[in-house]
Amino acid sequence: MTYWGSAPIILVSADTEEGVAAAARSVEATGGRIAASVDIDTAAERLESQVAIDLVWVDIAADHGPILDRLLERLVVGTERGDFAALIVIPSELVDIVASQIGGSAVSILVGRNERALDAALADRLARAAPQLREDGGDEAIRRHDFPIESFEQVHRPVPVVREGGSDGEGIGYEPPPRPAVIDAGAIRDMIRARRLRDELFGAGLFADPAWDMLLDLMAARLERRPVAVSSLCIAAAVPATTALRWIKQLTEAGLLRRVADPDDGRRVFIELTDHAASVMEAYFTAMPAGARG
């Protein structure tokens, strides 16, 4: 990285005074220096001319339409080229819009302004370290899961979708219905409700397993032939949204989830199980006694 002196250089763009203040506090806490603070409207243009920058910090509280889309696109391009690292802080209301643009990139997404989480994310991005899954404000890395990927008969849901590339095909079209499942969506929803009841009785976080919660929710949605937005899946994960977004990215990279463009809204994507993941889930339900599932 390029430094002015010994401190990493950070460009800040925010649409509220609170956002600017939060960035300034975290930058100072991690030993960085702010090169400039620019408006959201001019941030994309500033990045075209900015030199000697280590990280771009964007804090947005509202949807700025095409201006935001252009900025997000520029962040993705810059991080992919290695020009800078990038961190974007958003409210939960913007999860779907932002995730549709940068959900699969190296740009870090934080939902909310938890100070400890902001400091940790900034330090991680500045170090350009390999992505790690961490609970917001926590010190223990979430273990990466290894899942068996086997060859099974393909299972699809008949929903008109636009594929975002990959080996599962592209284009809009109806797919054949799934073959009869060994478990129905209602049974899976009962499992999910039982898991939430456990959290209510013992306290949230004690049994946190966002990967499994998301896989269960997506399996039920697949059987129901219902698309699932990113924000909805974050809720299903039953962990902070920032953590859920990291898990979605991790599971996508592992080949278990895929992003599907919403044919009616270019600024939104759906998340669904890959055919392999759906078959593995079905194999699990087949192998496990009903009383042991969950």
C-alpha atoms as a PDB file:
ATOM      1  CA  MET A   1       0.000   0.000   0.000  1.00  0.00           C
ATOM      2  CA  THR A   2       0.988   3.577  -0.508  1.00  0.00           C
ATOM      3  CA  TYR A   3       1.363   5.703   2.611  1.00  0.00           C
ATOM      4  CA  TRP A   4       1.820   9.357   3.381  1.00  0.00           C
ATOM      5  CA  GLY A   5       4.221   9.048   6.275  1.00  0.00           C
ATOM      6  CA  SER A   6       3.318   5.963   8.275  1.00  0.00           C
ATOM      7  CA  ALA A   7      -0.489   6.276   8.370  1.00  0.00           C
ATOM      8  CA  PRO A   8      -2.884   4.665   5.869  1.00  0.00           C
ATOM      9  CA  ILE A   9      -4.814   7.205   3.834  1.00  0.00           C
ATOM     10  CA  ILE A  10      -8.612   7.040   3.796  1.00  0.00           C
ATOM     11  CA  LEU A  11     -11.166   8.823   1.632  1.00  0.00           C
ATOM     12  CA  VAL A  12     -14.484   9.322   3.422  1.00  0.00           C
ATOM     13  CA  SER A  13     -17.862   9.879   1.794  1.00  0.00           C
ATOM     14  CA  ALA A  14     -21.043  10.188   3.845  1.00  0.00           C
ATOM     15  CA  ASP A  15     -24.477  11.729   3.492  1.00  0.00           C
ATOM     16  CA  THR A  16     -24.934  12.664   7.150  1.00  0.00           C
ATOM     17  CA  GLU A  17     -22.863  14.454   9.769  1.00  0.00           C
ATOM     18  CA  GLU A  18     -23.212  11.385  11.980  1.00  0.00           C
ATOM     19  CA  GLY A  19     -21.652   9.261   9.262  1.00  0.00           C
ATOM     20  CA  VAL A  20     -18.704  11.615   8.881  1.00  0.00           C
ATOM     21  CA  ALA A  21     -18.195  11.672  12.653  1.00  0.00           C
ATOM     22  CA  ALA A  22     -18.310   7.870  12.925  1.00  0.00           C
ATOM     23  CA  ALA A  23     -15.727   7.520  10.169  1.00  0.00           C
ATOM     24  CA  ALA A  24     -13.446  10.132  11.745  1.00  0.00           C
ATOM     25  CA  ARG A  25     -13.589   8.401  15.117  1.00  0.00           C
ATOM     26  CA  SER A  26     -12.747   4.963  13.706  1.00  0.00           C
ATOM     27  CA  VAL A  27      -9.984   6.306  11.481  1.00  0.00           C
ATOM     28  CA  GLU A  28      -8.376   8.009  14.477  1.00  0.00           C
ATOM     29  CA  ALA A  29      -8.802   4.880  16.633  1.00  0.00           C
ATOM     30  CA  THR A  30      -7.025   2.708  14.059  1.00  0.00           C
ATOM     31  CA  GLY A  31      -4.222   5.163  13.341  1.00  0.00           C
ATOM     32  CA  GLY A  32      -5.318   6.245   9.876  1.00  0.00           C
ATOM     33  CA  ARG A  33      -5.492   9.631   8.189  1.00  0.00           C
ATOM     34  CA  ILE A  34      -8.427  11.078   6.279  1.00  0.00           C
ATOM     35  CA  ALA A  35      -7.320  12.427   2.921  1.00  0.00           C
ATOM     36  CA  ALA A  36     -10.651  14.134   2.317  1.00  0.00           C
ATOM     37  CA  SER A  37     -14.348  13.948   3.118  1.00  0.00           C
ATOM     38  CA  VAL A  38     -16.557  14.291   0.045  1.00  0.00           C
ATOM     39  CA  ASP A  39     -20.269  14.241  -0.695  1.00  0.00           C
ATOM     40  CA  ILE A  40     -21.923  11.103  -2.022  1.00  0.00           C
ATOM     41  CA  ASP A  41     -22.748  13.025  -5.209  1.00  0.00           C
ATOM     42  CA  THR A  42     -19.073  13.594  -6.049  1.00  0.00           C
ATOM     43  CA  ALA A  43     -17.441  10.504  -4.543  1.00  0.00           C
ATOM     44  CA  ALA A  44     -17.332   8.442  -7.757  1.00  0.00           C
ATOM     45  CA  GLU A  45     -15.712  11.281  -9.686  1.00  0.00           C
ATOM     46  CA  ARG A  46     -13.214  11.897  -6.869  1.00  0.00           C
ATOM     47  CA  LEU A  47     -12.123   8.256  -7.015  1.00  0.00           C
ATOM     48  CA  GLU A  48     -11.220   8.659 -10.682  1.00  0.00           C
ATOM     49  CA  SER A  49      -8.595  11.273  -9.791  1.00  0.00           C
ATOM     50  CA  GLN A  50      -7.611  10.320  -6.248  1.00  0.00           C
ATOM     51  CA  VAL A  51      -4.084   8.951  -5.827  1.00  0.00           C
ATOM     52  CA  ALA A  52      -2.262   7.357  -2.900  1.00  0.00           C
ATOM     53  CA  ILE A  53      -5.425   6.059  -1.293  1.00  0.00           C
ATOM     54  CA  ASP A  54      -5.563   2.938   0.872  1.00  0.00           C
ATOM     55  CA  LEU A  55      -9.243   2.714   1.722  1.00  0.00           C
ATOM     56  CA  VAL A  56     -12.580   4.267   0.791  1.00  0.00           C
ATOM     57  CA  TRP A  57     -15.109   4.599   3.605  1.00  0.00           C
ATOM     58  CA  VAL A  58     -18.705   5.192   2.487  1.00  0.00           C
ATOM     59  CA  ASP A  59     -21.517   5.815   4.983  1.00  0.00           C
ATOM     60  CA  ILE A  60     -24.994   6.202   3.500  1.00  0.00           C
ATOM     61  CA  ALA A  61     -28.284   6.643   5.300  1.00  0.00           C
ATOM     62  CA  ALA A  62     -30.555   6.970   2.255  1.00  0.00           C
ATOM     63  CA  ASP A  63     -30.905   5.659  -1.283  1.00  0.00           C
ATOM     64  CA  HIS A  64     -29.364   8.066  -3.791  1.00  0.00           C
ATOM     65  CA  GLY A  65     -30.566   6.187  -6.852  1.00  0.00           C
ATOM     66  CA  PRO A  66     -28.259   6.256  -9.907  1.00  0.00           C
ATOM     67  CA  ILE A  67     -25.649   8.255  -7.962  1.00  0.00           C
ATOM     68  CA  LEU A  68     -25.362   5.466  -5.414  1.00  0.00           C
ATOM     69  CA  ASP A  69     -25.320   2.802  -8.123  1.00  0.00           C
ATOM     70  CA  ARG A  70     -22.449   4.570  -9.887  1.00  0.00           C
ATOM     71  CA  LEU A  71     -20.477   4.871  -6.648  1.00  0.00           C
ATOM     72  CA  LEU A  72     -20.994   1.202  -5.785  1.00  0.00           C
ATOM     73  CA  GLU A  73     -19.884   0.172  -9.259  1.00  0.00           C
ATOM     74  CA  ARG A  74     -16.746   2.287  -8.890  1.00  0.00           C
ATOM     75  CA  LEU A  75     -15.985   0.688  -5.511  1.00  0.00           C
ATOM     76  CA  VAL A  76     -16.254  -2.799  -6.988  1.00  0.00           C
ATOM     77  CA  VAL A  77     -13.972  -1.921  -9.900  1.00  0.00           C
ATOM     78  CA  GLY A  78     -11.416  -0.269  -7.617  1.00  0.00           C
ATOM     79  CA  THR A  79     -11.246  -3.159  -5.167  1.00  0.00           C
ATOM     80  CA  GLU A  80     -11.026  -5.730  -7.964  1.00  0.00           C
ATOM     81  CA  ARG A  81      -8.076  -3.848  -9.493  1.00  0.00           C
ATOM     82  CA  GLY A  82      -6.405  -3.515  -6.102  1.00  0.00           C
ATOM     83  CA  ASP A  83      -6.531   0.291  -6.190  1.00  0.00           C
ATOM     84  CA  PHE A  84      -7.901   0.451  -2.651  1.00  0.00           C
ATOM     85  CA  ALA A  85      -9.878  -1.428  -0.038  1.00  0.00           C
ATOM     86  CA  ALA A  86     -13.465  -0.356   0.583  1.00  0.00           C
ATOM     87  CA  LEU A  87     -15.936  -0.338   3.441  1.00  0.00           C
ATOM     88  CA  ILE A  88     -19.579   0.717   3.234  1.00  0.00           C
ATOM     89  CA  VAL A  89     -21.817   1.372   6.236  1.00  0.00           C
ATOM     90  CA  ILE A  90     -25.573   1.177   5.669  1.00  0.00           C
ATOM     91  CA  PRO A  91     -28.876   0.921   7.559  1.00  0.00           C
ATOM     92  CA  SER A  92     -30.865  -2.293   7.280  1.00  0.00           C
ATOM     93  CA  GLU A  93     -33.276  -0.633   4.854  1.00  0.00           C
ATOM     94  CA  LEU A  94     -30.579  -0.522   2.175  1.00  0.00           C
ATOM     95  CA  VAL A  95     -29.373  -4.121   2.455  1.00  0.00           C
ATOM     96  CA  ASP A  96     -31.136  -5.345  -0.687  1.00  0.00           C
ATOM     97  CA  ILE A  97     -30.019  -2.446  -2.870  1.00  0.00           C
ATOM     98  CA  VAL A  98     -26.390  -2.500  -1.770  1.00  0.00           C
ATOM     99  CA  ALA A  99     -26.072  -6.292  -1.709  1.00  0.00           C
ATOM    100  CA  SER A 100     -27.387  -6.517  -5.257  1.00  0.00           C
ATOM    101  CA  GLN A 101     -24.487  -4.358  -6.433  1.00  0.00           C
ATOM    102  CA  ILE A 102     -21.563  -5.469  -4.294  1.00  0.00           C
ATOM    103  CA  GLY A 103     -22.675  -8.633  -2.496  1.00  0.00           C
ATOM    104  CA  GLY A 104     -20.152 -10.791  -4.308  1.00  0.00           C
ATOM    105  CA  SER A 105     -17.232  -8.357  -4.279  1.00  0.00           C
ATOM    106  CA  ALA A 106     -14.385  -7.593  -1.888  1.00  0.00           C
ATOM    107  CA  VAL A 107     -16.178  -4.519  -0.544  1.00  0.00           C
ATOM    108  CA  SER A 108     -17.018  -4.951   3.151  1.00  0.00           C
ATOM    109  CA  ILE A 109     -20.614  -4.211   4.160  1.00  0.00           C
ATOM    110  CA  LEU A 110     -21.490  -3.189   7.717  1.00  0.00           C
ATOM    111  CA  VAL A 111     -25.085  -2.748   8.806  1.00  0.00           C
ATOM    112  CA  GLY A 112     -25.329  -0.139  11.542  1.00  0.00           C
ATOM    113  CA  ARG A 113     -22.642   1.879  13.327  1.00  0.00           C
ATOM    114  CA  ASN A 114     -21.456  -0.372  16.135  1.00  0.00           C
ATOM    115  CA  GLU A 115     -18.176   1.298  17.115  1.00  0.00           C
ATOM    116  CA  ARG A 116     -16.302  -1.891  17.915  1.00  0.00           C
ATOM    117  CA  ALA A 117     -17.440  -3.529  14.692  1.00  0.00           C
ATOM    118  CA  LEU A 118     -16.467  -0.439  12.677  1.00  0.00           C
ATOM    119  CA  ASP A 119     -12.967  -0.368  14.183  1.00  0.00           C
ATOM    120  CA  ALA A 120     -12.464  -4.087  13.567  1.00  0.00           C
ATOM    121  CA  ALA A 121     -13.720  -3.882   9.977  1.00  0.00           C
ATOM    122  CA  LEU A 122     -11.534  -0.879   9.217  1.00  0.00           C
ATOM    123  CA  ALA A 123      -8.428  -2.540  10.622  1.00  0.00           C
ATOM    124  CA  ASP A 124      -9.202  -5.700   8.648  1.00  0.00           C
ATOM    125  CA  ARG A 125      -9.690  -3.836   5.385  1.00  0.00           C
ATOM    126  CA  LEU A 126      -6.530  -1.803   5.862  1.00  0.00           C
ATOM    127  CA  ALA A 127      -4.556  -4.964   6.422  1.00  0.00           C
ATOM    128  CA  ARG A 128      -5.984  -6.406   3.182  1.00  0.00           C
ATOM    129  CA  ALA A 129      -6.287  -9.663   5.090  1.00  0.00           C
ATOM    130  CA  ALA A 130      -8.169 -12.688   3.810  1.00  0.00           C
ATOM    131  CA  PRO A 131     -11.893 -12.262   4.604  1.00  0.00           C
ATOM    132  CA  GLN A 132     -12.933 -13.740   7.949  1.00  0.00           C
ATOM    133  CA  LEU A 133     -16.372 -14.282   9.389  1.00  0.00           C
ATOM    134  CA  ARG A 134     -16.766 -12.559  12.752  1.00  0.00           C
ATOM    135  CA  GLU A 135     -19.695 -11.721  14.929  1.00  0.00           C
ATOM    136  CA  ASP A 136     -20.162  -7.953  15.266  1.00  0.00           C
ATOM    137  CA  GLY A 137     -17.972  -6.798  18.131  1.00  0.00           C
ATOM    138  CA  GLY A 138     -16.694 -10.322  18.767  1.00  0.00           C
ATOM    139  CA  ASP A 139     -13.147 -11.634  18.862  1.00  0.00           C
ATOM    140  CA  GLU A 140     -13.712 -15.239  17.846  1.00  0.00           C
ATOM    141  CA  ALA A 141     -13.644 -16.075  14.152  1.00  0.00           C
ATOM    142  CA  ILE A 142     -16.561 -18.081  12.894  1.00  0.00           C
ATOM    143  CA  ARG A 143     -15.313 -21.415  11.630  1.00  0.00           C
ATOM    144  CA  ARG A 144     -15.551 -21.976   7.899  1.00  0.00           C
ATOM    145  CA  HIS A 145     -17.767 -24.937   7.097  1.00  0.00           C
ATOM    146  CA  ASP A 146     -16.804 -27.610   4.594  1.00  0.00           C
ATOM    147  CA  PHE A 147     -19.762 -29.145   2.837  1.00  0.00           C
ATOM    148  CA  PRO A 148     -19.791 -32.312   0.688  1.00  0.00           C
ATOM    149  CA  ILE A 149     -20.560 -31.486  -2.912  1.00  0.00           C
ATOM    150  CA  GLU A 150     -21.888 -34.545  -4.691  1.00  0.00           C
ATOM    151  CA  SER A 151     -23.625 -35.281  -7.967  1.00  0.00           C
ATOM    152  CA  PHE A 152     -27.375 -35.582  -7.519  1.00  0.00           C
ATOM    153  CA  GLU A 153     -30.353 -35.272  -9.805  1.00  0.00           C
ATOM    154  CA  GLN A 154     -30.958 -31.564 -10.408  1.00  0.00           C
ATOM    155  CA  VAL A 155     -33.819 -29.934  -8.540  1.00  0.00           C
ATOM    156  CA  HIS A 156     -35.305 -26.639  -9.777  1.00  0.00           C
ATOM    157  CA  ARG A 157     -38.183 -24.383  -8.900  1.00  0.00           C
ATOM    158  CA  PRO A 158     -40.402 -22.992 -11.732  1.00  0.00           C
ATOM    159  CA  VAL A 159     -39.801 -19.274 -11.182  1.00  0.00           C
ATOM    160  CA  PRO A 160     -38.854 -16.863 -13.989  1.00  0.00           C
ATOM    161  CA  VAL A 161     -35.337 -15.725 -13.071  1.00  0.00           C
ATOM    162  CA  VAL A 162     -32.292 -14.064 -14.582  1.00  0.00           C
ATOM    163  CA  ARG A 163     -29.087 -15.904 -13.747  1.00  0.00           C
ATOM    164  CA  GLU A 164     -26.013 -13.875 -12.867  1.00  0.00           C
ATOM    165  CA  GLY A 165     -23.665 -16.277 -14.602  1.00  0.00           C
ATOM    166  CA  GLY A 166     -22.241 -19.538 -13.331  1.00  0.00           C
ATOM    167  CA  SER A 167     -22.676 -23.118 -14.400  1.00  0.00           C
ATOM    168  CA  ASP A 168     -26.387 -23.246 -13.614  1.00  0.00           C
ATOM    169  CA  GLY A 169     -27.371 -21.401 -16.772  1.00  0.00           C
ATOM    170  CA  GLU A 170     -28.339 -17.923 -17.814  1.00  0.00           C
ATOM    171  CA  GLY A 171     -31.399 -16.151 -19.127  1.00  0.00           C
ATOM    172  CA  ILE A 172     -35.047 -15.925 -18.173  1.00  0.00           C
ATOM    173  CA  GLY A 173     -37.139 -19.046 -18.263  1.00  0.00           C
ATOM    174  CA  TYR A 174     -39.319 -21.477 -16.383  1.00  0.00           C
ATOM    175  CA  GLU A 175     -37.638 -24.522 -14.990  1.00  0.00           C
ATOM    176  CA  PRO A 176     -39.188 -27.932 -14.326  1.00  0.00           C
ATOM    177  CA  PRO A 177     -40.784 -28.482 -10.906  1.00  0.00           C
ATOM    178  CA  PRO A 178     -38.860 -30.388  -8.236  1.00  0.00           C
ATOM    179  CA  ARG A 179     -39.325 -34.088  -7.826  1.00  0.00           C
ATOM    180  CA  PRO A 180     -41.284 -35.183  -4.729  1.00  0.00           C
ATOM    181  CA  ALA A 181     -39.402 -34.188  -1.586  1.00  0.00           C
ATOM    182  CA  VAL A 182     -38.870 -36.309   1.512  1.00  0.00           C
ATOM    183  CA  ILE A 183     -39.925 -33.337   3.644  1.00  0.00           C
ATOM    184  CA  ASP A 184     -42.367 -30.548   2.985  1.00  0.00           C
ATOM    185  CA  ALA A 185     -41.988 -26.822   3.533  1.00  0.00           C
ATOM    186  CA  GLY A 186     -44.353 -26.884   6.515  1.00  0.00           C
ATOM    187  CA  ALA A 187     -42.169 -29.377   8.358  1.00  0.00           C
ATOM    188  CA  ILE A 188     -39.099 -27.214   7.759  1.00  0.00           C
ATOM    189  CA  ARG A 189     -40.951 -24.132   8.998  1.00  0.00           C
ATOM    190  CA  ASP A 190     -41.815 -26.076  12.153  1.00  0.00           C
ATOM    191  CA  MET A 191     -38.111 -26.798  12.627  1.00  0.00           C
ATOM    192  CA  ILE A 192     -37.292 -23.113  12.217  1.00  0.00           C
ATOM    193  CA  ARG A 193     -39.968 -22.109  14.732  1.00  0.00           C
ATOM    194  CA  ALA A 194     -38.589 -24.646  17.202  1.00  0.00           C
ATOM    195  CA  ARG A 195     -35.106 -23.130  16.806  1.00  0.00           C
ATOM    196  CA  ARG A 196     -36.463 -19.637  17.489  1.00  0.00           C
ATOM    197  CA  LEU A 197     -38.340 -20.896  20.551  1.00  0.00           C
ATOM    198  CA  ARG A 198     -35.085 -22.331  21.844  1.00  0.00           C
ATOM    199  CA  ASP A 199     -33.467 -18.900  21.433  1.00  0.00           C
ATOM    200  CA  GLU A 200     -36.318 -17.237  23.305  1.00  0.00           C
ATOM    201  CA  LEU A 201     -36.038 -19.646  26.212  1.00  0.00           C
ATOM    202  CA  PHE A 202     -32.246 -19.815  26.532  1.00  0.00           C
ATOM    203  CA  GLY A 203     -31.290 -16.404  25.175  1.00  0.00           C
ATOM    204  CA  ALA A 204     -30.241 -15.227  21.743  1.00  0.00           C
ATOM    205  CA  GLY A 205     -26.787 -16.225  20.554  1.00  0.00           C
ATOM    206  CA  LEU A 206     -26.280 -19.357  22.631  1.00  0.00           C
ATOM    207  CA  PHE A 207     -27.238 -21.663  19.751  1.00  0.00           C
ATOM    208  CA  ALA A 208     -26.359 -19.325  16.871  1.00  0.00           C
ATOM    209  CA  ASP A 209     -25.877 -21.268  13.628  1.00  0.00           C
ATOM    210  CA  PRO A 210     -26.596 -18.815  10.799  1.00  0.00           C
ATOM    211  CA  ALA A 211     -25.436 -21.126   8.011  1.00  0.00           C
ATOM    212  CA  TRP A 212     -27.919 -23.846   8.959  1.00  0.00           C
ATOM    213  CA  ASP A 213     -30.736 -21.354   9.620  1.00  0.00           C
ATOM    214  CA  MET A 214     -30.260 -19.874   6.142  1.00  0.00           C
ATOM    215  CA  LEU A 215     -30.082 -23.288   4.476  1.00  0.00           C
ATOM    216  CA  LEU A 216     -33.321 -24.326   6.198  1.00  0.00           C
ATOM    217  CA  ASP A 217     -35.089 -21.121   5.178  1.00  0.00           C
ATOM    218  CA  LEU A 218     -33.933 -21.428   1.572  1.00  0.00           C
ATOM    219  CA  MET A 219     -34.905 -25.097   1.385  1.00  0.00           C
ATOM    220  CA  ALA A 220     -38.417 -24.246   2.580  1.00  0.00           C
ATOM    221  CA  ALA A 221     -38.605 -21.360   0.101  1.00  0.00           C
ATOM    222  CA  ARG A 222     -37.480 -23.659  -2.707  1.00  0.00           C
ATOM    223  CA  LEU A 223     -40.272 -26.106  -1.913  1.00  0.00           C
ATOM    224  CA  GLU A 224     -42.728 -23.205  -1.717  1.00  0.00           C
ATOM    225  CA  ARG A 225     -41.371 -21.854  -5.030  1.00  0.00           C
ATOM    226  CA  ARG A 226     -40.871 -18.493  -3.359  1.00  0.00           C
ATOM    227  CA  PRO A 227     -37.941 -16.134  -4.020  1.00  0.00           C
ATOM    228  CA  VAL A 228     -35.931 -14.884  -1.025  1.00  0.00           C
ATOM    229  CA  ALA A 229     -34.441 -11.388  -0.919  1.00  0.00           C
ATOM    230  CA  VAL A 230     -31.116 -10.744   0.776  1.00  0.00           C
ATOM    231  CA  SER A 231     -32.730  -8.771   3.595  1.00  0.00           C
ATOM    232  CA  SER A 232     -35.199 -11.586   4.264  1.00  0.00           C
ATOM    233  CA  LEU A 233     -32.390 -14.130   4.429  1.00  0.00           C
ATOM    234  CA  CYS A 234     -30.494 -11.916   6.883  1.00  0.00           C
ATOM    235  CA  ILE A 235     -33.527 -12.016   9.178  1.00  0.00           C
ATOM    236  CA  ALA A 236     -33.746 -15.797   8.821  1.00  0.00           C
ATOM    237  CA  ALA A 237     -30.100 -16.122   9.891  1.00  0.00           C
ATOM    238  CA  ALA A 238     -31.005 -14.808  13.368  1.00  0.00           C
ATOM    239  CA  VAL A 239     -27.676 -12.988  13.746  1.00  0.00           C
ATOM    240  CA  PRO A 240     -26.660  -9.344  13.157  1.00  0.00           C
ATOM    241  CA  ALA A 241     -27.146  -8.353   9.520  1.00  0.00           C
ATOM    242  CA  THR A 242     -23.441  -7.681   9.006  1.00  0.00           C
ATOM    243  CA  THR A 243     -22.643 -11.233  10.086  1.00  0.00           C
ATOM    244  CA  ALA A 244     -25.442 -12.647   7.939  1.00  0.00           C
ATOM    245  CA  LEU A 245     -24.092 -10.873   4.862  1.00  0.00           C
ATOM    246  CA  ARG A 246     -20.656 -12.394   5.467  1.00  0.00           C
ATOM    247  CA  TRP A 247     -22.208 -15.840   5.750  1.00  0.00           C
ATOM    248  CA  ILE A 248     -24.162 -15.332   2.517  1.00  0.00           C
ATOM    249  CA  LYS A 249     -20.941 -14.438   0.739  1.00  0.00           C
ATOM    250  CA  GLN A 250     -19.105 -17.382   2.279  1.00  0.00           C
ATOM    251  CA  LEU A 251     -21.812 -19.885   1.397  1.00  0.00           C
ATOM    252  CA  THR A 252     -22.008 -18.478  -2.131  1.00  0.00           C
ATOM    253  CA  GLU A 253     -18.268 -18.892  -2.585  1.00  0.00           C
ATOM    254  CA  ALA A 254     -18.603 -22.455  -1.268  1.00  0.00           C
ATOM    255  CA  GLY A 255     -21.066 -23.233  -4.053  1.00  0.00           C
ATOM    256  CA  LEU A 256     -24.094 -23.658  -1.779  1.00  0.00           C
ATOM    257  CA  LEU A 257     -25.948 -20.439  -2.597  1.00  0.00           C
ATOM    258  CA  ARG A 258     -26.369 -18.467  -5.783  1.00  0.00           C
ATOM    259  CA  ARG A 259     -27.482 -14.950  -6.603  1.00  0.00           C
ATOM    260  CA  VAL A 260     -30.465 -14.612  -8.925  1.00  0.00           C
ATOM    261  CA  ALA A 261     -31.364 -11.280 -10.481  1.00  0.00           C
ATOM    262  CA  ASP A 262     -34.912 -10.065  -9.914  1.00  0.00           C
ATOM    263  CA  PRO A 263     -36.405  -9.766 -13.425  1.00  0.00           C
ATOM    264  CA  ASP A 264     -38.718  -6.993 -12.194  1.00  0.00           C
ATOM    265  CA  ASP A 265     -36.163  -4.905 -10.281  1.00  0.00           C
ATOM    266  CA  GLY A 266     -32.626  -4.370 -11.537  1.00  0.00           C
ATOM    267  CA  ARG A 267     -31.520  -3.167  -8.104  1.00  0.00           C
ATOM    268  CA  ARG A 268     -32.401  -6.336  -6.244  1.00  0.00           C
ATOM    269  CA  VAL A 269     -31.228  -9.936  -6.226  1.00  0.00           C
ATOM    270  CA  PHE A 270     -32.646 -13.081  -4.731  1.00  0.00           C
ATOM    271  CA  ILE A 271     -30.643 -15.772  -2.979  1.00  0.00           C
ATOM    272  CA  GLU A 272     -31.407 -19.448  -3.529  1.00  0.00           C
ATOM    273  CA  LEU A 273     -29.834 -22.843  -2.980  1.00  0.00           C
ATOM    274  CA  THR A 274     -27.741 -24.253  -5.772  1.00  0.00           C
ATOM    275  CA  ASP A 275     -28.909 -27.566  -7.179  1.00  0.00           C
ATOM    276  CA  HIS A 276     -26.079 -29.346  -5.357  1.00  0.00           C
ATOM    277  CA  ALA A 277     -26.995 -27.748  -2.035  1.00  0.00           C
ATOM    278  CA  ALA A 278     -30.681 -28.612  -2.437  1.00  0.00           C
ATOM    279  CA  SER A 279     -29.776 -32.221  -3.155  1.00  0.00           C
ATOM    280  CA  VAL A 280     -27.471 -32.369  -0.135  1.00  0.00           C
ATOM    281  CA  MET A 281     -30.269 -30.956   2.026  1.00  0.00           C
ATOM    282  CA  GLU A 282     -32.639 -33.584   0.686  1.00  0.00           C
ATOM    283  CA  ALA A 283     -30.062 -36.283   1.389  1.00  0.00           C
ATOM    284  CA  TYR A 284     -29.810 -35.002   4.970  1.00  0.00           C
ATOM    285  CA  PHE A 285     -33.558 -35.182   5.517  1.00  0.00           C
ATOM    286  CA  THR A 286     -33.656 -38.650   3.977  1.00  0.00           C
ATOM    287  CA  ALA A 287     -30.873 -39.953   6.220  1.00  0.00           C
ATOM    288  CA  MET A 288     -31.959 -38.354   9.494  1.00  0.00           C
ATOM    289  CA  PRO A 289     -34.896 -39.664  11.565  1.00  0.00           C
ATOM    290  CA  ALA A 290     -37.670 -37.075  11.787  1.00  0.00           C
ATOM    291  CA  GLY A 291     -37.176 -36.654  15.539  1.00  0.00           C
ATOM    292  CA  ALA A 292     -33.480 -35.877  15.135  1.00  0.00           C
ATOM    293  CA  ARG A 293     -33.815 -33.138  12.544  1.00  0.00           C
ATOM    294  CA  GLY A 294     -33.072 -29.504  13.363  1.00  0.00           C
END
